[in-house]
Amino acid sequence: MSSEEPKSAETSEDPAPTANISNSQSADAKSPNEPTEPTTGRPRRSTQIGEPPALEAPPFTPATGPVWPEIDDQHPLFQLEGSIKDVLREADYDEVYGIRLDHSGAFHNKLILQKFLRANANDVSKARAQLLETLKWRKEFQPLKCVEEVFSRERFVGLGYVTLVDGVPDSSNKTDVVTFNIYGAVKDPKFTFEDLEGFLRWRVGLMELGIQKMNLKKASTAIPDFGKGPDPYQGIQVHDYLNVKFLSMDAHAKAASQKAVETFKQYYPETLSRKFFVNVPRVMGWMFGAIRLVLSKETIQKFTVLTYGKDLAGELGNGVPEEYGGKAGSLDSMGETLRVEGESRAVGTAAAGDSKVEGEKVQDKVEDKKSEDKDANHNVNEKLADS
């Protein structure tokens, strides 16, 4: 299913143990130390996003839970899961994407480990190293807590939303998670991005909110092996640059963007299915050339650049917000976001005052010149080739 930056082409999930692995542990069974489902501790908007429908599941019984396809002792997943006990001991931590890992061979263990294998082209050694570093980082950074934090209204209101979009063309999911990053809503780049740690906690919180909407704890479809098909548990990212002055882009904003890219590449493998950059001037090929330097070829192939925001509906269907050519209502009415100071519910640009109105005016101007530049929409690979 579908939420800004992985290590491989997109981001996914998966794991496994020893010969004749048993998958009999119930998907609903909890270990004594497993916490309850994270709660926000804050009210959501009245139009709060509901959980997306479960993906089509393989046969399973209430006693066993979902079953992972049988694997032999030469399979990378078997080998990676064989080392999980030592990895968890060394990291002194066991949670990834809200799933508690152990060495039981359970379905949801495999789900997470498979993501790390896919991100590393089935290289068990590299997957193990990335998993270990991810666990250490999650222990220190505590990303799940970011979803519950209250952030500065002046810095972050209207900057990001998580939405559920139905009927995305060519998607195997009925419903996809789509996260919108609204850079044009930034009023003071230095104020917003100078505190790099604060920005990163906000951005990670938005990422974790999107992952929660994938409902991995109830996942019942195994993730295919590397190169054998798409991971259904991934998110779509949209970066909206309407009103952003690229040629005078603030140094703090550049640093924050780079840090976010590096963080998601290293610690959020296989969580990205596609990324769209919208309302981007055609002359900004240099920016995507820079991004190319830190991301894999597979990931870059999932990037699409659109000069006009309303053309996003042509890519993701009519389920996107009306600002992007869809028919599903406005972004601030259908999207969910993190809590900001002074708000009793998770609201966004509707509370941001003039930021949305100003954006609508600029969008009108952009649409007026659309006929002058019909060939503006282009894939990022073409843009990068020119840069």
Protein backbone atom coordinates (compact mmCIF):
# COMPACT_ATOMS: atom_id res chain seq x y z
CA MET A 1 0.00 0.00 0.00
CA SER A 2 1.00 3.38 -0.24
CA SER A 3 4.19 7.24 2.47
CA GLU A 4 10.12 10.63 1.27
CA GLU A 5 13.44 8.23 0.68
CA PRO A 6 14.68 4.60 0.70
CA LYS A 7 17.88 2.72 0.15
CA SER A 8 16.67 0.73 -2.79
CA ALA A 9 14.10 1.32 -5.44
CA GLU A 10 11.11 2.05 -3.24
CA THR A 11 10.68 0.64 0.22
CA SER A 12 9.17 -2.73 1.40
CA GLU A 13 8.95 -5.29 4.30
CA ASP A 14 9.82 -8.99 5.27
CA PRO A 15 11.78 -11.85 7.47
CA ALA A 16 12.46 -15.83 8.27
CA PRO A 17 14.23 -18.62 10.63
CA THR A 18 15.69 -22.26 10.30
CA ALA A 19 15.02 -25.46 8.33
CA ASN A 20 11.38 -26.42 8.19
CA ILE A 21 10.42 -23.00 9.47
CA SER A 22 7.18 -23.00 11.36
CA ASN A 23 4.67 -20.35 10.48
CA SER A 24 2.16 -21.50 13.03
CA GLN A 25 2.46 -18.55 15.37
CA SER A 26 -0.73 -16.54 15.36
CA ALA A 27 -0.52 -13.17 13.67
CA ASP A 28 -2.54 -11.83 16.54
CA ALA A 29 -0.43 -13.40 19.28
CA LYS A 30 1.59 -10.89 21.27
CA SER A 31 4.80 -11.46 23.14
CA PRO A 32 4.80 -10.47 26.83
CA ASN A 33 6.83 -7.38 26.03
CA GLU A 34 4.91 -6.28 22.96
CA PRO A 35 3.23 -2.91 23.47
CA THR A 36 -0.28 -2.21 22.48
CA GLU A 37 -1.08 -0.51 19.18
CA PRO A 38 0.33 3.03 19.19
CA THR A 39 -2.31 5.64 19.80
CA THR A 40 -2.06 9.24 18.98
CA GLY A 41 -3.13 10.59 22.33
CA ARG A 42 -4.75 13.42 20.41
CA PRO A 43 -8.09 13.86 18.70
CA ARG A 44 -8.20 13.52 14.93
CA ARG A 45 -10.26 15.64 12.59
CA SER A 46 -13.86 14.65 12.09
CA THR A 47 -12.92 13.43 8.65
CA GLN A 48 -10.16 11.27 10.07
CA ILE A 49 -8.76 8.75 7.65
CA GLY A 50 -10.01 5.25 8.21
CA GLU A 51 -7.78 2.23 7.89
CA PRO A 52 -7.49 1.02 4.28
CA PRO A 53 -9.09 -2.27 3.32
CA ALA A 54 -6.85 -5.30 3.87
CA LEU A 55 -5.04 -6.61 0.84
CA GLU A 56 -6.23 -9.89 -0.61
CA ALA A 57 -4.94 -12.54 1.78
CA PRO A 58 -3.73 -16.10 1.21
CA PRO A 59 -5.66 -18.90 2.90
CA PHE A 60 -5.15 -19.05 6.64
CA THR A 61 -6.98 -20.14 9.74
CA PRO A 62 -7.64 -18.21 12.97
CA ALA A 63 -5.28 -20.63 14.72
CA THR A 64 -2.26 -20.06 12.49
CA GLY A 65 -2.68 -16.59 11.04
CA PRO A 66 -1.29 -15.71 7.59
CA VAL A 67 1.27 -18.16 6.23
CA TRP A 68 4.49 -17.23 4.46
CA PRO A 69 5.31 -19.33 1.37
CA GLU A 70 7.65 -22.21 2.15
CA ILE A 71 11.37 -21.47 1.78
CA ASP A 72 14.46 -23.72 1.95
CA ASP A 73 17.61 -23.25 4.00
CA GLN A 74 19.40 -21.63 1.05
CA HIS A 75 16.88 -18.83 0.74
CA PRO A 76 18.21 -15.35 1.71
CA LEU A 77 15.23 -14.85 3.99
CA PHE A 78 16.01 -18.07 5.85
CA GLN A 79 19.62 -17.00 6.26
CA LEU A 80 18.78 -13.50 7.45
CA GLU A 81 16.26 -14.75 9.95
CA GLY A 82 18.85 -17.21 11.23
CA SER A 83 20.91 -14.24 12.43
CA ILE A 84 18.05 -12.19 13.86
CA LYS A 85 18.61 -13.28 17.46
CA ASP A 86 22.18 -11.93 17.42
CA VAL A 87 21.08 -8.75 15.63
CA LEU A 88 18.45 -8.00 18.25
CA ARG A 89 20.88 -8.69 21.04
CA GLU A 90 23.50 -6.37 19.56
CA ALA A 91 20.99 -3.59 18.86
CA ASP A 92 19.24 -4.02 22.22
CA TYR A 93 16.03 -3.09 20.42
CA ASP A 94 13.41 -5.03 18.45
CA GLU A 95 10.88 -2.69 16.76
CA VAL A 96 10.69 -1.71 13.07
CA TYR A 97 7.64 0.05 11.57
CA GLY A 98 5.65 -0.82 14.69
CA ILE A 99 6.38 -4.57 14.37
CA ARG A 100 8.25 -6.32 17.20
CA LEU A 101 10.88 -8.68 15.80
CA ASP A 102 11.92 -11.98 17.35
CA HIS A 103 13.39 -15.31 16.18
CA SER A 104 10.11 -17.22 16.08
CA GLY A 105 9.73 -17.27 12.30
CA ALA A 106 6.37 -15.50 12.46
CA PHE A 107 4.79 -14.06 9.32
CA HIS A 108 5.24 -10.42 10.34
CA ASN A 109 8.90 -10.99 11.19
CA LYS A 110 9.42 -12.17 7.64
CA LEU A 111 7.47 -9.21 6.31
CA ILE A 112 9.97 -6.76 7.79
CA LEU A 113 13.09 -8.76 6.97
CA GLN A 114 12.01 -9.17 3.36
CA LYS A 115 12.01 -5.40 2.99
CA PHE A 116 15.63 -5.23 4.04
CA LEU A 117 16.55 -8.03 1.65
CA ARG A 118 14.78 -6.37 -1.28
CA ALA A 119 16.48 -3.08 -0.48
CA ASN A 120 19.84 -4.83 -0.78
CA ALA A 121 19.16 -7.08 -3.79
CA ASN A 122 19.10 -10.20 -1.57
CA ASP A 123 22.59 -9.54 -0.19
CA VAL A 124 22.16 -11.06 3.26
CA SER A 125 25.25 -9.41 4.74
CA LYS A 126 24.20 -5.94 3.62
CA ALA A 127 20.60 -6.49 4.69
CA ARG A 128 21.75 -7.60 8.13
CA ALA A 129 24.00 -4.54 8.49
CA GLN A 130 21.22 -2.16 7.47
CA LEU A 131 18.74 -3.84 9.81
CA LEU A 132 21.18 -3.54 12.70
CA GLU A 133 21.81 0.16 12.04
CA THR A 134 18.08 0.77 11.66
CA LEU A 135 17.34 -0.85 15.01
CA LYS A 136 20.05 1.18 16.72
CA TRP A 137 18.73 4.38 15.17
CA ARG A 138 15.13 3.62 16.14
CA LYS A 139 16.20 2.92 19.70
CA GLU A 140 17.92 6.32 19.93
CA PHE A 141 15.57 8.46 17.82
CA GLN A 142 12.29 6.83 18.93
CA PRO A 143 10.40 7.58 15.70
CA LEU A 144 7.06 6.21 16.95
CA LYS A 145 7.02 8.98 19.55
CA CYS A 146 7.29 11.59 16.78
CA VAL A 147 3.71 10.79 15.74
CA GLU A 148 2.49 11.79 19.19
CA GLU A 149 4.51 14.98 19.61
CA VAL A 150 3.05 18.49 19.43
CA PHE A 151 4.99 20.63 16.97
CA SER A 152 5.43 24.37 16.51
CA ARG A 153 2.46 25.86 14.67
CA GLU A 154 4.55 28.65 13.17
CA ARG A 155 7.06 26.18 11.75
CA PHE A 156 4.99 23.24 10.56
CA VAL A 157 1.29 23.99 10.09
CA GLY A 158 0.16 23.05 6.58
CA LEU A 159 3.48 21.49 5.56
CA GLY A 160 2.44 17.85 5.31
CA TYR A 161 -0.57 15.53 5.03
CA VAL A 162 -1.22 11.80 4.84
CA THR A 163 -4.13 10.74 2.63
CA LEU A 164 -5.74 7.52 1.43
CA VAL A 165 -6.36 7.41 -2.30
CA ASP A 166 -8.54 4.80 -3.98
CA GLY A 167 -8.17 3.51 -7.51
CA VAL A 168 -4.58 4.48 -8.29
CA PRO A 169 -3.92 3.30 -11.88
CA ASP A 170 -1.65 0.24 -12.17
CA SER A 171 -1.58 -0.23 -8.38
CA SER A 172 -2.20 -3.70 -6.94
CA ASN A 173 -3.89 -2.06 -3.96
CA LYS A 174 -7.48 -0.90 -3.72
CA THR A 175 -6.29 1.96 -1.51
CA ASP A 176 -2.86 3.58 -1.41
CA VAL A 177 -1.27 5.81 1.22
CA VAL A 178 -0.17 9.11 -0.33
CA THR A 179 1.83 11.66 1.66
CA PHE A 180 1.90 15.30 0.53
CA ASN A 181 4.84 17.55 1.41
CA ILE A 182 3.85 21.20 0.85
CA TYR A 183 7.09 23.16 0.67
CA GLY A 184 5.30 26.26 -0.58
CA ALA A 185 3.60 26.56 2.82
CA VAL A 186 6.93 27.39 4.44
CA LYS A 187 6.78 31.08 5.39
CA ASP A 188 10.28 31.48 6.84
CA PRO A 189 12.76 28.83 5.61
CA LYS A 190 15.39 29.68 8.18
CA PHE A 191 12.89 29.51 11.04
CA THR A 192 11.42 26.23 9.78
CA PHE A 193 14.63 24.39 8.88
CA GLU A 194 17.42 25.89 11.01
CA ASP A 195 16.65 23.52 13.89
CA LEU A 196 17.55 20.44 11.88
CA GLU A 197 16.73 17.97 14.64
CA GLY A 198 13.30 19.53 15.17
CA PHE A 199 12.51 19.42 11.46
CA LEU A 200 13.65 15.83 11.19
CA ARG A 201 11.41 14.74 14.08
CA TRP A 202 8.45 16.39 12.35
CA ARG A 203 9.28 14.80 8.99
CA VAL A 204 9.89 11.37 10.52
CA GLY A 205 6.59 11.70 12.40
CA LEU A 206 4.79 12.28 9.11
CA MET A 207 6.52 9.24 7.63
CA GLU A 208 5.54 7.06 10.57
CA LEU A 209 1.94 8.28 10.35
CA GLY A 210 1.87 7.10 6.75
CA ILE A 211 3.33 3.73 7.69
CA GLN A 212 0.69 3.32 10.39
CA LYS A 213 -1.96 3.74 7.69
CA MET A 214 -0.49 0.71 5.90
CA ASN A 215 -1.63 -1.34 8.91
CA LEU A 216 1.30 -3.75 8.74
CA LYS A 217 0.21 -5.61 11.86
CA LYS A 218 -2.78 -6.91 9.92
CA ALA A 219 -0.85 -7.60 6.72
CA SER A 220 -1.64 -11.02 5.29
CA THR A 221 0.02 -11.06 1.87
CA ALA A 222 3.66 -12.11 1.63
CA ILE A 223 6.06 -9.69 -0.07
CA PRO A 224 7.58 -11.22 -3.21
CA ASP A 225 11.28 -11.96 -3.34
CA PHE A 226 13.59 -9.35 -4.84
CA GLY A 227 12.92 -9.01 -8.57
CA LYS A 228 9.77 -11.17 -8.43
CA GLY A 229 7.07 -8.50 -8.13
CA PRO A 230 6.03 -5.31 -6.31
CA ASP A 231 5.84 -4.89 -2.56
CA PRO A 232 2.21 -4.00 -1.74
CA TYR A 233 3.17 -2.30 1.53
CA GLN A 234 4.67 0.93 0.29
CA GLY A 235 3.63 4.57 0.12
CA ILE A 236 3.48 7.28 -2.52
CA GLN A 237 5.17 10.62 -1.84
CA VAL A 238 4.19 13.93 -3.43
CA HIS A 239 6.45 16.97 -3.07
CA ASP A 240 4.69 20.20 -3.99
CA TYR A 241 6.99 23.13 -4.82
CA LEU A 242 4.34 25.71 -5.67
CA ASN A 243 5.63 29.15 -4.57
CA VAL A 244 9.13 27.85 -3.87
CA LYS A 245 11.92 30.06 -5.21
CA PHE A 246 14.46 27.50 -6.34
CA LEU A 247 17.16 29.89 -7.46
CA SER A 248 17.32 31.45 -4.01
CA MET A 249 16.62 28.29 -2.04
CA ASP A 250 17.63 28.74 1.59
CA ALA A 251 20.75 26.89 2.73
CA HIS A 252 18.93 25.58 5.79
CA ALA A 253 16.18 24.14 3.57
CA LYS A 254 18.77 22.39 1.41
CA ALA A 255 20.48 20.90 4.45
CA ALA A 256 17.17 19.72 5.92
CA SER A 257 16.11 18.15 2.62
CA GLN A 258 19.42 16.32 2.30
CA LYS A 259 19.20 15.03 5.87
CA ALA A 260 15.68 13.73 5.31
CA VAL A 261 16.73 11.96 2.11
CA GLU A 262 19.67 10.30 3.86
CA THR A 263 17.54 9.25 6.83
CA PHE A 264 14.83 7.62 4.75
CA LYS A 265 17.36 5.96 2.46
CA GLN A 266 19.17 4.35 5.37
CA TYR A 267 16.42 3.60 7.87
CA TYR A 268 13.21 3.18 5.83
CA PRO A 269 13.95 0.55 3.18
CA GLU A 270 11.19 -0.43 0.80
CA THR A 271 8.64 2.09 1.99
CA LEU A 272 8.45 4.15 -1.21
CA SER A 273 6.59 2.99 -4.30
CA ARG A 274 6.57 6.24 -6.30
CA LYS A 275 7.56 9.86 -5.77
CA PHE A 276 6.14 12.87 -7.58
CA PHE A 277 7.65 16.35 -7.71
CA VAL A 278 4.87 18.74 -8.73
CA ASN A 279 4.73 22.44 -9.62
CA VAL A 280 8.42 22.29 -10.53
CA PRO A 281 9.82 24.81 -13.06
CA ARG A 282 11.43 23.05 -16.02
CA VAL A 283 14.71 24.83 -15.44
CA MET A 284 15.27 23.05 -12.13
CA GLY A 285 16.99 19.97 -13.54
CA TRP A 286 20.02 20.68 -11.35
CA MET A 287 18.05 19.84 -8.21
CA PHE A 288 17.17 16.37 -9.42
CA GLY A 289 20.71 15.87 -10.62
CA ALA A 290 21.80 16.42 -7.01
CA ILE A 291 19.22 13.94 -5.74
CA ARG A 292 20.54 11.37 -8.20
CA LEU A 293 23.89 11.37 -6.43
CA VAL A 294 22.48 9.96 -3.18
CA LEU A 295 19.77 7.56 -4.38
CA SER A 296 19.88 4.23 -6.20
CA LYS A 297 19.08 3.83 -9.88
CA GLU A 298 15.98 1.77 -9.00
CA THR A 299 14.66 4.53 -6.75
CA ILE A 300 15.25 7.26 -9.32
CA GLN A 301 13.25 5.29 -11.86
CA LYS A 302 10.23 5.77 -9.62
CA PHE A 303 10.49 9.56 -9.73
CA THR A 304 8.20 11.67 -11.88
CA VAL A 305 8.37 15.44 -12.30
CA LEU A 306 5.23 17.42 -13.14
CA THR A 307 5.33 21.10 -13.94
CA TYR A 308 1.64 21.49 -13.14
CA GLY A 309 0.07 20.19 -9.93
CA LYS A 310 -3.32 19.42 -11.47
CA ASP A 311 -1.69 16.86 -13.75
CA LEU A 312 -1.17 14.59 -10.75
CA ALA A 313 -4.68 13.20 -11.29
CA GLY A 314 -3.47 11.86 -14.61
CA GLU A 315 -0.94 9.77 -12.70
CA LEU A 316 -2.82 8.79 -9.53
CA GLY A 317 -6.46 9.05 -10.60
CA ASN A 318 -9.43 11.10 -9.43
CA GLY A 319 -8.95 10.08 -5.82
CA VAL A 320 -6.32 12.77 -5.27
CA PRO A 321 -7.28 16.16 -3.76
CA GLU A 322 -8.95 18.72 -5.99
CA GLU A 323 -5.87 20.96 -5.94
CA TYR A 324 -4.18 18.21 -7.92
CA GLY A 325 -6.94 17.64 -10.47
CA GLY A 326 -8.88 15.06 -8.45
CA LYS A 327 -12.45 14.89 -7.21
CA ALA A 328 -11.93 13.84 -3.62
CA GLY A 329 -12.19 17.23 -1.90
CA SER A 330 -9.49 19.63 -0.77
CA LEU A 331 -6.21 18.41 0.67
CA ASP A 332 -6.79 19.95 4.10
CA SER A 333 -10.26 18.34 4.31
CA MET A 334 -9.19 14.80 3.36
CA GLY A 335 -5.65 14.73 4.73
CA GLU A 336 -4.42 13.88 8.22
CA THR A 337 -1.41 15.57 9.73
CA LEU A 338 0.60 15.88 12.92
CA ARG A 339 -0.59 17.98 15.79
CA VAL A 340 0.64 21.56 16.18
CA GLU A 341 0.51 23.92 19.13
CA GLY A 342 -2.84 25.49 19.88
CA GLU A 343 -4.83 22.88 17.97
CA SER A 344 -7.14 20.36 19.57
CA ARG A 345 -7.36 18.32 16.37
CA ALA A 346 -5.09 17.44 13.46
CA VAL A 347 -5.75 20.28 11.05
CA GLY A 348 -3.69 21.69 8.23
CA THR A 349 -3.81 24.47 5.68
CA ALA A 350 -7.38 25.41 6.62
CA ALA A 351 -5.78 26.81 9.79
CA ALA A 352 -2.78 28.24 8.00
CA GLY A 353 -4.61 31.36 6.93
CA ASP A 354 -3.26 32.98 3.81
CA SER A 355 -0.88 30.18 2.82
CA LYS A 356 -3.57 28.17 1.04
CA VAL A 357 -5.25 31.19 -0.52
CA GLU A 358 -1.94 32.46 -1.84
CA GLY A 359 -1.21 29.02 -3.25
CA GLU A 360 -4.54 28.95 -5.06
CA LYS A 361 -3.83 32.33 -6.67
CA VAL A 362 -0.44 31.20 -7.89
CA GLN A 363 -1.94 27.95 -9.17
CA ASP A 364 -4.40 29.99 -11.25
CA LYS A 365 -1.47 31.87 -12.79
CA VAL A 366 0.30 28.63 -13.52
CA GLU A 367 -2.76 27.24 -15.25
CA ASP A 368 -3.00 30.40 -17.41
CA LYS A 369 0.37 29.69 -18.95
CA LYS A 370 -0.14 25.96 -19.28
CA SER A 371 -0.94 26.17 -22.99
CA GLU A 372 2.46 27.78 -23.58
CA ASP A 373 4.29 24.75 -22.27
CA LYS A 374 2.34 21.59 -23.05
CA ASP A 375 5.40 19.41 -23.07
CA ALA A 376 6.48 20.45 -19.59
CA ASN A 377 5.59 17.21 -17.83
CA HIS A 378 8.48 14.83 -17.98
CA ASN A 379 9.95 11.86 -16.20
CA VAL A 380 12.83 12.57 -13.86
CA ASN A 381 15.08 10.25 -15.82
CA GLU A 382 14.79 12.52 -18.84
CA LYS A 383 15.44 15.55 -16.69
CA LEU A 384 18.47 13.95 -15.11
CA ALA A 385 19.85 12.98 -18.49
CA ASP A 386 19.88 16.65 -19.44
CA SER A 387 21.52 17.80 -16.23
